[in-house]
PDB file of N, CA and C in Angstrom:
ATOM      1  N   MET A   1      -1.183 -25.308   8.424  1.00  0.00           N
ATOM      2  CA  MET A   1      -0.058 -24.388   8.441  1.00  0.00           C
ATOM      3  C   MET A   1      -0.583 -22.967   8.252  1.00  0.00           C
ATOM      4  N   ILE A   2       0.058 -21.982   8.890  1.00  0.00           N
ATOM      5  CA  ILE A   2      -0.405 -20.606   8.779  1.00  0.00           C
ATOM      6  C   ILE A   2       0.093 -19.978   7.490  1.00  0.00           C
ATOM      7  N   ASP A   3      -0.496 -18.832   7.159  1.00  0.00           N
ATOM      8  CA  ASP A   3      -0.085 -18.090   5.974  1.00  0.00           C
ATOM      9  C   ASP A   3       1.377 -17.679   6.106  1.00  0.00           C
ATOM     10  N   PRO A   4       2.112 -17.550   4.988  1.00  0.00           N
ATOM     11  CA  PRO A   4       3.513 -17.163   5.074  1.00  0.00           C
ATOM     12  C   PRO A   4       3.709 -15.711   5.510  1.00  0.00           C
ATOM     13  N   LEU A   5       2.691 -14.873   5.388  1.00  0.00           N
ATOM     14  CA  LEU A   5       2.791 -13.477   5.803  1.00  0.00           C
ATOM     15  C   LEU A   5       1.975 -13.258   7.063  1.00  0.00           C
ATOM     16  N   PRO A   6       2.405 -12.329   7.922  1.00  0.00           N
ATOM     17  CA  PRO A   6       1.647 -12.066   9.145  1.00  0.00           C
ATOM     18  C   PRO A   6       0.231 -11.598   8.862  1.00  0.00           C
ATOM     19  N   ARG A   7      -0.671 -11.936   9.729  1.00  0.00           N
ATOM     20  CA  ARG A   7      -2.055 -11.485   9.639  1.00  0.00           C
ATOM     21  C   ARG A   7      -2.091 -10.025  10.068  1.00  0.00           C
ATOM     22  N   THR A   8      -2.716  -9.180   9.265  1.00  0.00           N
ATOM     23  CA  THR A   8      -2.627  -7.742   9.498  1.00  0.00           C
ATOM     24  C   THR A   8      -3.961  -7.063   9.741  1.00  0.00           C
ATOM     25  N   SER A   9      -5.038  -7.794   9.725  1.00  0.00           N
ATOM     26  CA  SER A   9      -6.339  -7.189   9.991  1.00  0.00           C
ATOM     27  C   SER A   9      -7.290  -8.244  10.544  1.00  0.00           C
ATOM     28  N   ALA A  10      -8.375  -7.778  11.124  1.00  0.00           N
ATOM     29  CA  ALA A  10      -9.369  -8.703  11.666  1.00  0.00           C
ATOM     30  C   ALA A  10      -9.889  -9.638  10.576  1.00  0.00           C
ATOM     31  N   ALA A  11      -9.960  -9.146   9.341  1.00  0.00           N
ATOM     32  CA  ALA A  11     -10.435  -9.973   8.234  1.00  0.00           C
ATOM     33  C   ALA A  11      -9.490 -11.153   7.973  1.00  0.00           C
ATOM     34  N   ASP A  12      -8.217 -10.971   8.311  1.00  0.00           N
ATOM     35  CA  ASP A  12      -7.238 -12.048   8.133  1.00  0.00           C
ATOM     36  C   ASP A  12      -7.327 -13.083   9.248  1.00  0.00           C
ATOM     37  N   GLY A  13      -7.989 -12.750  10.335  1.00  0.00           N
ATOM     38  CA  GLY A  13      -8.088 -13.652  11.482  1.00  0.00           C
ATOM     39  C   GLY A  13      -7.016 -13.348  12.499  1.00  0.00           C
ATOM     40  N   TRP A  14      -7.428 -12.891  13.672  1.00  0.00           N
ATOM     41  CA  TRP A  14      -6.475 -12.496  14.701  1.00  0.00           C
ATOM     42  C   TRP A  14      -6.102 -13.642  15.626  1.00  0.00           C
ATOM     43  N   GLN A  15      -6.525 -14.841  15.338  1.00  0.00           N
ATOM     44  CA  GLN A  15      -6.240 -15.969  16.214  1.00  0.00           C
ATOM     45  C   GLN A  15      -5.287 -16.937  15.533  1.00  0.00           C
ATOM     46  N   VAL A  16      -4.249 -17.349  16.268  1.00  0.00           N
ATOM     47  CA  VAL A  16      -3.306 -18.347  15.781  1.00  0.00           C
ATOM     48  C   VAL A  16      -3.033 -19.296  16.942  1.00  0.00           C
ATOM     49  N   SER A  17      -3.127 -20.569  16.706  1.00  0.00           N
ATOM     50  CA  SER A  17      -2.864 -21.543  17.762  1.00  0.00           C
ATOM     51  C   SER A  17      -1.371 -21.870  17.828  1.00  0.00           C
ATOM     52  N   VAL A  18      -0.940 -22.401  18.966  1.00  0.00           N
ATOM     53  CA  VAL A  18       0.439 -22.853  19.107  1.00  0.00           C
ATOM     54  C   VAL A  18       0.718 -23.936  18.067  1.00  0.00           C
ATOM     55  N   ALA A  19      -0.239 -24.836  17.857  1.00  0.00           N
ATOM     56  CA  ALA A  19      -0.046 -25.915  16.883  1.00  0.00           C
ATOM     57  C   ALA A  19       0.176 -25.357  15.479  1.00  0.00           C
ATOM     58  N   GLU A  20      -0.618 -24.345  15.080  1.00  0.00           N
ATOM     59  CA  GLU A  20      -0.432 -23.736  13.754  1.00  0.00           C
ATOM     60  C   GLU A  20       0.943 -23.088  13.640  1.00  0.00           C
ATOM     61  N   ALA A  21       1.316 -22.316  14.655  1.00  0.00           N
ATOM     62  CA  ALA A  21       2.600 -21.614  14.623  1.00  0.00           C
ATOM     63  C   ALA A  21       3.766 -22.596  14.621  1.00  0.00           C
ATOM     64  N   ALA A  22       3.690 -23.636  15.448  1.00  0.00           N
ATOM     65  CA  ALA A  22       4.765 -24.623  15.530  1.00  0.00           C
ATOM     66  C   ALA A  22       4.918 -25.408  14.227  1.00  0.00           C
ATOM     67  N   ALA A  23       3.827 -25.567  13.467  1.00  0.00           N
ATOM     68  CA  ALA A  23       3.867 -26.312  12.212  1.00  0.00           C
ATOM     69  C   ALA A  23       4.346 -25.466  11.036  1.00  0.00           C
ATOM     70  N   ALA A  24       4.373 -24.149  11.198  1.00  0.00           N
ATOM     71  CA  ALA A  24       4.760 -23.255  10.102  1.00  0.00           C
ATOM     72  C   ALA A  24       6.270 -23.282   9.888  1.00  0.00           C
ATOM     73  N   ASP A  25       6.673 -23.039   8.662  1.00  0.00           N
ATOM     74  CA  ASP A  25       8.091 -22.987   8.326  1.00  0.00           C
ATOM     75  C   ASP A  25       8.671 -21.640   8.738  1.00  0.00           C
ATOM     76  N   VAL A  26       9.841 -21.662   9.355  1.00  0.00           N
ATOM     77  CA  VAL A  26      10.553 -20.430   9.677  1.00  0.00           C
ATOM     78  C   VAL A  26      11.106 -19.869   8.377  1.00  0.00           C
ATOM     79  N   PRO A  27      10.838 -18.596   8.075  1.00  0.00           N
ATOM     80  CA  PRO A  27      11.346 -18.015   6.823  1.00  0.00           C
ATOM     81  C   PRO A  27      12.874 -18.077   6.745  1.00  0.00           C
ATOM     82  N   PRO A  28      13.423 -18.209   5.548  1.00  0.00           N
ATOM     83  CA  PRO A  28      14.879 -18.242   5.387  1.00  0.00           C
ATOM     84  C   PRO A  28      15.523 -17.019   6.049  1.00  0.00           C
ATOM     85  N   GLY A  29      16.596 -17.275   6.796  1.00  0.00           N
ATOM     86  CA  GLY A  29      17.315 -16.191   7.456  1.00  0.00           C
ATOM     87  C   GLY A  29      16.698 -15.713   8.760  1.00  0.00           C
ATOM     88  N   ALA A  30      15.546 -16.262   9.143  1.00  0.00           N
ATOM     89  CA  ALA A  30      14.866 -15.856  10.381  1.00  0.00           C
ATOM     90  C   ALA A  30      15.013 -16.950  11.428  1.00  0.00           C
ATOM     91  N   ARG A  31      14.704 -16.594  12.678  1.00  0.00           N
ATOM     92  CA  ARG A  31      14.746 -17.568  13.770  1.00  0.00           C
ATOM     93  C   ARG A  31      13.361 -17.879  14.312  1.00  0.00           C
ATOM     94  N   SER A  32      12.360 -17.113  13.833  1.00  0.00           N
ATOM     95  CA  SER A  32      11.005 -17.294  14.350  1.00  0.00           C
ATOM     96  C   SER A  32       9.997 -17.106  13.223  1.00  0.00           C
ATOM     97  N   VAL A  33       8.760 -17.506  13.506  1.00  0.00           N
ATOM     98  CA  VAL A  33       7.686 -17.447  12.512  1.00  0.00           C
ATOM     99  C   VAL A  33       6.813 -16.213  12.769  1.00  0.00           C
ATOM    100  N   PRO A  34       6.673 -15.308  11.803  1.00  0.00           N
ATOM    101  CA  PRO A  34       5.761 -14.180  11.999  1.00  0.00           C
ATOM    102  C   PRO A  34       4.316 -14.663  11.899  1.00  0.00           C
ATOM    103  N   VAL A  35       3.476 -14.242  12.863  1.00  0.00           N
ATOM    104  CA  VAL A  35       2.088 -14.688  12.832  1.00  0.00           C
ATOM    105  C   VAL A  35       1.076 -13.567  12.716  1.00  0.00           C
ATOM    106  N   MET A  36       1.416 -12.357  13.182  1.00  0.00           N
ATOM    107  CA  MET A  36       0.500 -11.231  12.968  1.00  0.00           C
ATOM    108  C   MET A  36       1.228  -9.909  13.170  1.00  0.00           C
ATOM    109  N   ARG A  37       0.653  -8.868  12.568  1.00  0.00           N
ATOM    110  CA  ARG A  37       1.249  -7.542  12.641  1.00  0.00           C
ATOM    111  C   ARG A  37       0.141  -6.500  12.660  1.00  0.00           C
ATOM    112  N   HIS A  38       0.341  -5.449  13.458  1.00  0.00           N
ATOM    113  CA  HIS A  38      -0.598  -4.322  13.517  1.00  0.00           C
ATOM    114  C   HIS A  38       0.180  -3.108  14.013  1.00  0.00           C
ATOM    115  N   GLY A  39       0.279  -2.071  13.205  1.00  0.00           N
ATOM    116  CA  GLY A  39       1.043  -0.895  13.605  1.00  0.00           C
ATOM    117  C   GLY A  39       2.479  -1.278  13.920  1.00  0.00           C
ATOM    118  N   THR A  40       2.984  -0.863  15.094  1.00  0.00           N
ATOM    119  CA  THR A  40       4.361  -1.193  15.473  1.00  0.00           C
ATOM    120  C   THR A  40       4.479  -2.587  16.076  1.00  0.00           C
ATOM    121  N   MET A  41       3.340  -3.257  16.323  1.00  0.00           N
ATOM    122  CA  MET A  41       3.352  -4.566  16.966  1.00  0.00           C
ATOM    123  C   MET A  41       3.526  -5.695  15.941  1.00  0.00           C
ATOM    124  N   THR A  42       4.442  -6.598  16.263  1.00  0.00           N
ATOM    125  CA  THR A  42       4.598  -7.825  15.496  1.00  0.00           C
ATOM    126  C   THR A  42       4.613  -8.981  16.493  1.00  0.00           C
ATOM    127  N   VAL A  43       3.859 -10.037  16.193  1.00  0.00           N
ATOM    128  CA  VAL A  43       3.862 -11.242  17.021  1.00  0.00           C
ATOM    129  C   VAL A  43       4.527 -12.349  16.212  1.00  0.00           C
ATOM    130  N   ARG A  44       5.459 -13.036  16.862  1.00  0.00           N
ATOM    131  CA  ARG A  44       6.170 -14.138  16.235  1.00  0.00           C
ATOM    132  C   ARG A  44       6.117 -15.340  17.176  1.00  0.00           C
ATOM    133  N   TYR A  45       6.339 -16.526  16.633  1.00  0.00           N
ATOM    134  CA  TYR A  45       6.458 -17.732  17.452  1.00  0.00           C
ATOM    135  C   TYR A  45       7.908 -18.185  17.363  1.00  0.00           C
ATOM    136  N   TYR A  46       8.539 -18.373  18.514  1.00  0.00           N
ATOM    137  CA  TYR A  46       9.957 -18.716  18.581  1.00  0.00           C
ATOM    138  C   TYR A  46      10.127 -20.012  19.355  1.00  0.00           C
ATOM    139  N   ALA A  47      10.752 -21.004  18.718  1.00  0.00           N
ATOM    140  CA  ALA A  47      10.963 -22.315  19.344  1.00  0.00           C
ATOM    141  C   ALA A  47      12.347 -22.837  18.948  1.00  0.00           C
ATOM    142  N   PRO A  48      13.400 -22.275  19.552  1.00  0.00           N
ATOM    143  CA  PRO A  48      14.759 -22.723  19.198  1.00  0.00           C
ATOM    144  C   PRO A  48      14.979 -24.175  19.597  1.00  0.00           C
ATOM    145  N   LYS A  49      15.876 -24.821  18.931  1.00  0.00           N
ATOM    146  CA  LYS A  49      16.219 -26.212  19.241  1.00  0.00           C
ATOM    147  C   LYS A  49      17.667 -26.253  19.722  1.00  0.00           C
ATOM    148  N   GLY A  50      17.878 -26.735  20.937  1.00  0.00           N
ATOM    149  CA  GLY A  50      19.223 -26.894  21.479  1.00  0.00           C
ATOM    150  C   GLY A  50      19.799 -25.648  22.116  1.00  0.00           C
ATOM    151  N   VAL A  51      20.085 -24.623  21.302  1.00  0.00           N
ATOM    152  CA  VAL A  51      20.723 -23.404  21.778  1.00  0.00           C
ATOM    153  C   VAL A  51      19.975 -22.191  21.237  1.00  0.00           C
ATOM    154  N   ASP A  52      19.795 -21.186  22.091  1.00  0.00           N
ATOM    155  CA  ASP A  52      19.169 -19.924  21.688  1.00  0.00           C
ATOM    156  C   ASP A  52      20.278 -18.971  21.261  1.00  0.00           C
ATOM    157  N   ARG A  53      20.324 -18.638  19.990  1.00  0.00           N
ATOM    158  CA  ARG A  53      21.390 -17.801  19.451  1.00  0.00           C
ATOM    159  C   ARG A  53      20.932 -16.373  19.138  1.00  0.00           C
ATOM    160  N   GLN A  54      19.843 -15.940  19.734  1.00  0.00           N
ATOM    161  CA  GLN A  54      19.351 -14.606  19.416  1.00  0.00           C
ATOM    162  C   GLN A  54      20.287 -13.512  19.924  1.00  0.00           C
ATOM    163  N   THR A  55      20.169 -12.365  19.307  1.00  0.00           N
ATOM    164  CA  THR A  55      20.940 -11.181  19.674  1.00  0.00           C
ATOM    165  C   THR A  55      19.958 -10.090  20.089  1.00  0.00           C
ATOM    166  N   PRO A  56      20.432  -9.002  20.725  1.00  0.00           N
ATOM    167  CA  PRO A  56      19.516  -7.943  21.147  1.00  0.00           C
ATOM    168  C   PRO A  56      18.688  -7.409  19.980  1.00  0.00           C
ATOM    169  N   HIS A  57      17.461  -6.985  20.299  1.00  0.00           N
ATOM    170  CA  HIS A  57      16.540  -6.462  19.294  1.00  0.00           C
ATOM    171  C   HIS A  57      16.391  -4.962  19.436  1.00  0.00           C
ATOM    172  N   ASP A  58      15.905  -4.322  18.381  1.00  0.00           N
ATOM    173  CA  ASP A  58      15.784  -2.859  18.414  1.00  0.00           C
ATOM    174  C   ASP A  58      14.419  -2.364  18.883  1.00  0.00           C
ATOM    175  N   GLN A  59      13.533  -3.269  19.291  1.00  0.00           N
ATOM    176  CA  GLN A  59      12.250  -2.896  19.885  1.00  0.00           C
ATOM    177  C   GLN A  59      12.108  -3.590  21.235  1.00  0.00           C
ATOM    178  N   ASP A  60      11.265  -3.026  22.114  1.00  0.00           N
ATOM    179  CA  ASP A  60      10.920  -3.711  23.350  1.00  0.00           C
ATOM    180  C   ASP A  60      10.194  -4.994  22.973  1.00  0.00           C
ATOM    181  N   GLU A  61      10.276  -5.994  23.863  1.00  0.00           N
ATOM    182  CA  GLU A  61       9.588  -7.238  23.558  1.00  0.00           C
ATOM    183  C   GLU A  61       9.056  -7.914  24.811  1.00  0.00           C
ATOM    184  N   VAL A  62       7.939  -8.583  24.621  1.00  0.00           N
ATOM    185  CA  VAL A  62       7.295  -9.381  25.658  1.00  0.00           C
ATOM    186  C   VAL A  62       7.263 -10.808  25.148  1.00  0.00           C
ATOM    187  N   TYR A  63       7.668 -11.740  26.009  1.00  0.00           N
ATOM    188  CA  TYR A  63       7.570 -13.166  25.707  1.00  0.00           C
ATOM    189  C   TYR A  63       6.449 -13.753  26.549  1.00  0.00           C
ATOM    190  N   VAL A  64       5.605 -14.570  25.926  1.00  0.00           N
ATOM    191  CA  VAL A  64       4.604 -15.344  26.651  1.00  0.00           C
ATOM    192  C   VAL A  64       4.987 -16.807  26.405  1.00  0.00           C
ATOM    193  N   VAL A  65       5.352 -17.494  27.466  1.00  0.00           N
ATOM    194  CA  VAL A  65       5.816 -18.873  27.332  1.00  0.00           C
ATOM    195  C   VAL A  65       4.615 -19.768  27.051  1.00  0.00           C
ATOM    196  N   ALA A  66       4.599 -20.351  25.859  1.00  0.00           N
ATOM    197  CA  ALA A  66       3.490 -21.206  25.440  1.00  0.00           C
ATOM    198  C   ALA A  66       3.683 -22.634  25.938  1.00  0.00           C
ATOM    199  N   THR A  67       4.890 -23.152  25.790  1.00  0.00           N
ATOM    200  CA  THR A  67       5.186 -24.522  26.188  1.00  0.00           C
ATOM    201  C   THR A  67       6.605 -24.606  26.718  1.00  0.00           C
ATOM    202  N   GLY A  68       6.830 -25.563  27.602  1.00  0.00           N
ATOM    203  CA  GLY A  68       8.175 -25.833  28.081  1.00  0.00           C
ATOM    204  C   GLY A  68       8.588 -24.994  29.277  1.00  0.00           C
ATOM    205  N   SER A  69       9.857 -25.161  29.644  1.00  0.00           N
ATOM    206  CA  SER A  69      10.431 -24.449  30.784  1.00  0.00           C
ATOM    207  C   SER A  69      11.933 -24.352  30.595  1.00  0.00           C
ATOM    208  N   GLY A  70      12.574 -23.564  31.461  1.00  0.00           N
ATOM    209  CA  GLY A  70      14.023 -23.402  31.386  1.00  0.00           C
ATOM    210  C   GLY A  70      14.464 -22.189  32.172  1.00  0.00           C
ATOM    211  N   TRP A  71      15.520 -21.558  31.699  1.00  0.00           N
ATOM    212  CA  TRP A  71      16.081 -20.361  32.329  1.00  0.00           C
ATOM    213  C   TRP A  71      16.105 -19.218  31.324  1.00  0.00           C
ATOM    214  N   PHE A  72      15.793 -17.999  31.793  1.00  0.00           N
ATOM    215  CA  PHE A  72      15.834 -16.802  30.958  1.00  0.00           C
ATOM    216  C   PHE A  72      16.920 -15.889  31.502  1.00  0.00           C
ATOM    217  N   VAL A  73      17.888 -15.556  30.659  1.00  0.00           N
ATOM    218  CA  VAL A  73      18.946 -14.623  31.017  1.00  0.00           C
ATOM    219  C   VAL A  73      18.578 -13.294  30.378  1.00  0.00           C
ATOM    220  N   ASN A  74      18.444 -12.256  31.220  1.00  0.00           N
ATOM    221  CA  ASN A  74      17.970 -10.955  30.755  1.00  0.00           C
ATOM    222  C   ASN A  74      18.816  -9.864  31.403  1.00  0.00           C
ATOM    223  N   ASP A  75      19.662  -9.230  30.591  1.00  0.00           N
ATOM    224  CA  ASP A  75      20.491  -8.128  31.067  1.00  0.00           C
ATOM    225  C   ASP A  75      21.300  -8.544  32.297  1.00  0.00           C
ATOM    226  N   GLY A  76      21.882  -9.768  32.243  1.00  0.00           N
ATOM    227  CA  GLY A  76      22.744 -10.247  33.306  1.00  0.00           C
ATOM    228  C   GLY A  76      22.054 -10.986  34.435  1.00  0.00           C
ATOM    229  N   ARG A  77      20.720 -10.981  34.466  1.00  0.00           N
ATOM    230  CA  ARG A  77      19.982 -11.709  35.511  1.00  0.00           C
ATOM    231  C   ARG A  77      19.450 -13.013  34.923  1.00  0.00           C
ATOM    232  N   ARG A  78      19.419 -14.052  35.757  1.00  0.00           N
ATOM    233  CA  ARG A  78      18.968 -15.380  35.309  1.00  0.00           C
ATOM    234  C   ARG A  78      17.791 -15.808  36.174  1.00  0.00           C
ATOM    235  N   ALA A  79      16.686 -16.210  35.527  1.00  0.00           N
ATOM    236  CA  ALA A  79      15.481 -16.610  36.264  1.00  0.00           C
ATOM    237  C   ALA A  79      14.837 -17.817  35.604  1.00  0.00           C
ATOM    238  N   ARG A  80      14.221 -18.682  36.416  1.00  0.00           N
ATOM    239  CA  ARG A  80      13.478 -19.826  35.890  1.00  0.00           C
ATOM    240  C   ARG A  80      12.198 -19.337  35.243  1.00  0.00           C
ATOM    241  N   PHE A  81      11.740 -20.072  34.235  1.00  0.00           N
ATOM    242  CA  PHE A  81      10.440 -19.790  33.617  1.00  0.00           C
ATOM    243  C   PHE A  81       9.751 -21.101  33.300  1.00  0.00           C
ATOM    244  N   ALA A  82       8.426 -21.019  33.132  1.00  0.00           N
ATOM    245  CA  ALA A  82       7.614 -22.184  32.765  1.00  0.00           C
ATOM    246  C   ALA A  82       6.439 -21.712  31.921  1.00  0.00           C
ATOM    247  N   ALA A  83       5.739 -22.658  31.328  1.00  0.00           N
ATOM    248  CA  ALA A  83       4.574 -22.341  30.495  1.00  0.00           C
ATOM    249  C   ALA A  83       3.603 -21.458  31.271  1.00  0.00           C
ATOM    250  N   GLY A  84       3.121 -20.422  30.607  1.00  0.00           N
ATOM    251  CA  GLY A  84       2.195 -19.477  31.213  1.00  0.00           C
ATOM    252  C   GLY A  84       2.866 -18.212  31.724  1.00  0.00           C
ATOM    253  N   ASP A  85       4.185 -18.224  31.887  1.00  0.00           N
ATOM    254  CA  ASP A  85       4.893 -17.041  32.366  1.00  0.00           C
ATOM    255  C   ASP A  85       4.989 -15.976  31.282  1.00  0.00           C
ATOM    256  N   VAL A  86       5.110 -14.731  31.725  1.00  0.00           N
ATOM    257  CA  VAL A  86       5.304 -13.583  30.832  1.00  0.00           C
ATOM    258  C   VAL A  86       6.631 -12.946  31.201  1.00  0.00           C
ATOM    259  N   LEU A  87       7.465 -12.677  30.195  1.00  0.00           N
ATOM    260  CA  LEU A  87       8.797 -12.113  30.396  1.00  0.00           C
ATOM    261  C   LEU A  87       8.937 -10.853  29.547  1.00  0.00           C
ATOM    262  N   PHE A  88       9.680  -9.877  30.034  1.00  0.00           N
ATOM    263  CA  PHE A  88       9.902  -8.630  29.298  1.00  0.00           C
ATOM    264  C   PHE A  88      11.395  -8.374  29.160  1.00  0.00           C
ATOM    265  N   THR A  89      11.795  -7.846  28.023  1.00  0.00           N
ATOM    266  CA  THR A  89      13.161  -7.361  27.844  1.00  0.00           C
ATOM    267  C   THR A  89      13.115  -6.081  27.027  1.00  0.00           C
ATOM    268  N   PRO A  90      13.815  -5.051  27.485  1.00  0.00           N
ATOM    269  CA  PRO A  90      13.812  -3.793  26.748  1.00  0.00           C
ATOM    270  C   PRO A  90      14.677  -3.864  25.495  1.00  0.00           C
ATOM    271  N   ALA A  91      14.425  -2.981  24.575  1.00  0.00           N
ATOM    272  CA  ALA A  91      15.216  -2.904  23.353  1.00  0.00           C
ATOM    273  C   ALA A  91      16.696  -2.792  23.693  1.00  0.00           C
ATOM    274  N   GLY A  92      17.513  -3.537  22.965  1.00  0.00           N
ATOM    275  CA  GLY A  92      18.954  -3.459  23.117  1.00  0.00           C
ATOM    276  C   GLY A  92      19.556  -4.313  24.212  1.00  0.00           C
ATOM    277  N   ALA A  93      18.743  -4.922  25.073  1.00  0.00           N
ATOM    278  CA  ALA A  93      19.275  -5.723  26.182  1.00  0.00           C
ATOM    279  C   ALA A  93      19.731  -7.098  25.691  1.00  0.00           C
ATOM    280  N   GLU A  94      20.866  -7.554  26.207  1.00  0.00           N
ATOM    281  CA  GLU A  94      21.326  -8.917  25.946  1.00  0.00           C
ATOM    282  C   GLU A  94      20.377  -9.867  26.668  1.00  0.00           C
ATOM    283  N   HIS A  95      19.877 -10.864  25.962  1.00  0.00           N
ATOM    284  CA  HIS A  95      18.976 -11.832  26.577  1.00  0.00           C
ATOM    285  C   HIS A  95      18.982 -13.124  25.772  1.00  0.00           C
ATOM    286  N   ARG A  96      18.636 -14.220  26.467  1.00  0.00           N
ATOM    287  CA  ARG A  96      18.569 -15.529  25.798  1.00  0.00           C
ATOM    288  C   ARG A  96      17.901 -16.531  26.727  1.00  0.00           C
ATOM    289  N   PHE A  97      17.481 -17.632  26.147  1.00  0.00           N
ATOM    290  CA  PHE A  97      16.918 -18.749  26.903  1.00  0.00           C
ATOM    291  C   PHE A  97      18.001 -19.815  27.022  1.00  0.00           C
ATOM    292  N   GLU A  98      18.096 -20.420  28.203  1.00  0.00           N
ATOM    293  CA  GLU A  98      19.095 -21.461  28.441  1.00  0.00           C
ATOM    294  C   GLU A  98      18.453 -22.688  29.077  1.00  0.00           C
ATOM    295  N   ASP A  99      19.083 -23.830  28.869  1.00  0.00           N
ATOM    296  CA  ASP A  99      18.669 -25.086  29.507  1.00  0.00           C
ATOM    297  C   ASP A  99      17.158 -25.299  29.411  1.00  0.00           C
ATOM    298  N   PHE A 100      16.602 -25.055  28.233  1.00  0.00           N
ATOM    299  CA  PHE A 100      15.153 -25.192  28.052  1.00  0.00           C
ATOM    300  C   PHE A 100      14.794 -26.588  27.583  1.00  0.00           C
ATOM    301  N   THR A 101      13.548 -26.962  27.855  1.00  0.00           N
ATOM    302  CA  THR A 101      13.061 -28.290  27.506  1.00  0.00           C
ATOM    303  C   THR A 101      12.871 -28.407  25.992  1.00  0.00           C
ATOM    304  N   GLU A 102      12.804 -29.641  25.541  1.00  0.00           N
ATOM    305  CA  GLU A 102      12.672 -29.920  24.111  1.00  0.00           C
ATOM    306  C   GLU A 102      11.402 -29.327  23.508  1.00  0.00           C
ATOM    307  N   ASP A 103      10.345 -29.199  24.317  1.00  0.00           N
ATOM    308  CA  ASP A 103       9.061 -28.688  23.817  1.00  0.00           C
ATOM    309  C   ASP A 103       8.919 -27.172  23.954  1.00  0.00           C
ATOM    310  N   PHE A 104      10.006 -26.463  24.266  1.00  0.00           N
ATOM    311  CA  PHE A 104       9.966 -25.028  24.520  1.00  0.00           C
ATOM    312  C   PHE A 104       9.497 -24.229  23.306  1.00  0.00           C
ATOM    313  N   GLY A 105       8.578 -23.283  23.553  1.00  0.00           N
ATOM    314  CA  GLY A 105       8.117 -22.355  22.525  1.00  0.00           C
ATOM    315  C   GLY A 105       7.511 -21.114  23.174  1.00  0.00           C
ATOM    316  N   VAL A 106       7.767 -19.951  22.607  1.00  0.00           N
ATOM    317  CA  VAL A 106       7.232 -18.695  23.140  1.00  0.00           C
ATOM    318  C   VAL A 106       6.598 -17.863  22.043  1.00  0.00           C
ATOM    319  N   TRP A 107       5.578 -17.104  22.445  1.00  0.00           N
ATOM    320  CA  TRP A 107       5.056 -16.024  21.607  1.00  0.00           C
ATOM    321  C   TRP A 107       5.943 -14.820  21.909  1.00  0.00           C
ATOM    322  N   VAL A 108       6.395 -14.125  20.898  1.00  0.00           N
ATOM    323  CA  VAL A 108       7.208 -12.925  21.082  1.00  0.00           C
ATOM    324  C   VAL A 108       6.418 -11.750  20.524  1.00  0.00           C
ATOM    325  N   VAL A 109       6.202 -10.741  21.354  1.00  0.00           N
ATOM    326  CA  VAL A 109       5.488  -9.539  20.928  1.00  0.00           C
ATOM    327  C   VAL A 109       6.492  -8.396  20.902  1.00  0.00           C
ATOM    328  N   PHE A 110       6.840  -7.937  19.699  1.00  0.00           N
ATOM    329  CA  PHE A 110       7.685  -6.760  19.522  1.00  0.00           C
ATOM    330  C   PHE A 110       6.758  -5.561  19.377  1.00  0.00           C
ATOM    331  N   TYR A 111       7.118  -4.450  20.005  1.00  0.00           N
ATOM    332  CA  TYR A 111       6.248  -3.278  19.899  1.00  0.00           C
ATOM    333  C   TYR A 111       7.033  -1.995  20.129  1.00  0.00           C
ATOM    334  N   GLY A 112       6.422  -0.895  19.724  1.00  0.00           N
ATOM    335  CA  GLY A 112       6.979   0.427  19.981  1.00  0.00           C
ATOM    336  C   GLY A 112       8.045   0.833  18.986  1.00  0.00           C
ATOM    337  N   PRO A 113       8.642   1.984  19.237  1.00  0.00           N
ATOM    338  CA  PRO A 113       9.626   2.521  18.297  1.00  0.00           C
ATOM    339  C   PRO A 113      10.970   1.804  18.406  1.00  0.00           C
ATOM    340  N   ARG A 114      11.777   1.935  17.379  1.00  0.00           N
ATOM    341  CA  ARG A 114      13.161   1.435  17.437  1.00  0.00           C
ATOM    342  C   ARG A 114      13.857   2.116  18.599  1.00  0.00           C
ATOM    343  N   GLY A 115      14.597   1.352  19.380  1.00  0.00           N
ATOM    344  CA  GLY A 115      15.247   1.898  20.550  1.00  0.00           C
ATOM    345  C   GLY A 115      14.430   1.743  21.815  1.00  0.00           C
ATOM    346  N   GLY A 116      13.169   1.329  21.699  1.00  0.00           N
ATOM    347  CA  GLY A 116      12.322   1.103  22.852  1.00  0.00           C
ATOM    348  C   GLY A 116      11.453   2.294  23.222  1.00  0.00           C
ATOM    349  N   GLU A 117      10.568   2.049  24.165  1.00  0.00           N
ATOM    350  CA  GLU A 117       9.673   3.115  24.633  1.00  0.00           C
ATOM    351  C   GLU A 117      10.499   4.263  25.212  1.00  0.00           C
ATOM    352  N   ALA A 118       9.969   5.449  25.107  1.00  0.00           N
ATOM    353  CA  ALA A 118      10.670   6.632  25.607  1.00  0.00           C
ATOM    354  C   ALA A 118      10.889   6.545  27.115  1.00  0.00           C
ATOM    355  N   ALA A 119      12.058   6.989  27.582  1.00  0.00           N
ATOM    356  CA  ALA A 119      12.349   7.009  29.017  1.00  0.00           C
ATOM    357  C   ALA A 119      11.351   7.936  29.694  1.00  0.00           C
ATOM    358  N   GLY A 120      10.897   7.516  30.876  1.00  0.00           N
ATOM    359  CA  GLY A 120       9.979   8.356  31.641  1.00  0.00           C
ATOM    360  C   GLY A 120       8.523   8.195  31.259  1.00  0.00           C
ATOM    361  N   ALA A 121       8.216   7.276  30.315  1.00  0.00           N
ATOM    362  CA  ALA A 121       6.808   7.064  29.949  1.00  0.00           C
ATOM    363  C   ALA A 121       6.073   6.439  31.130  1.00  0.00           C
ATOM    364  N   ALA A 122       4.789   6.674  31.210  1.00  0.00           N
ATOM    365  CA  ALA A 122       3.977   6.122  32.302  1.00  0.00           C
ATOM    366  C   ALA A 122       3.983   4.600  32.220  1.00  0.00           C
ATOM    367  N   ASP A 123       4.043   3.951  33.350  1.00  0.00           N
ATOM    368  CA  ASP A 123       4.020   2.479  33.411  1.00  0.00           C
ATOM    369  C   ASP A 123       2.617   1.959  33.316  1.00  0.00           C
TER     370      ASP A 123
END
């Protein structure tokens, strides 16, 4: 099982396996397991069961699908996803996973300022 607090430096170990993250307890009141943090970046492991009840977040986020497949609804658009896919949603956008497999799990990378990256920033 991983440490209860996110890893914050190279000395803490920057590597976390899906098995370690999936075995960790979700903190009370949270929906995902924090696994590491550096500056504005936080990485969490998210593996909802049955229904995804998340609400919009105040930072931009990238999902890396670790296991499973299903549908991703992002700002009104619906797309299929599978293990290995990378998904992005900007801060404040309505988004959720639907009709996902029992083994579904994603790495979630939150980053940048509250409200998302500044408009007009270089891509």
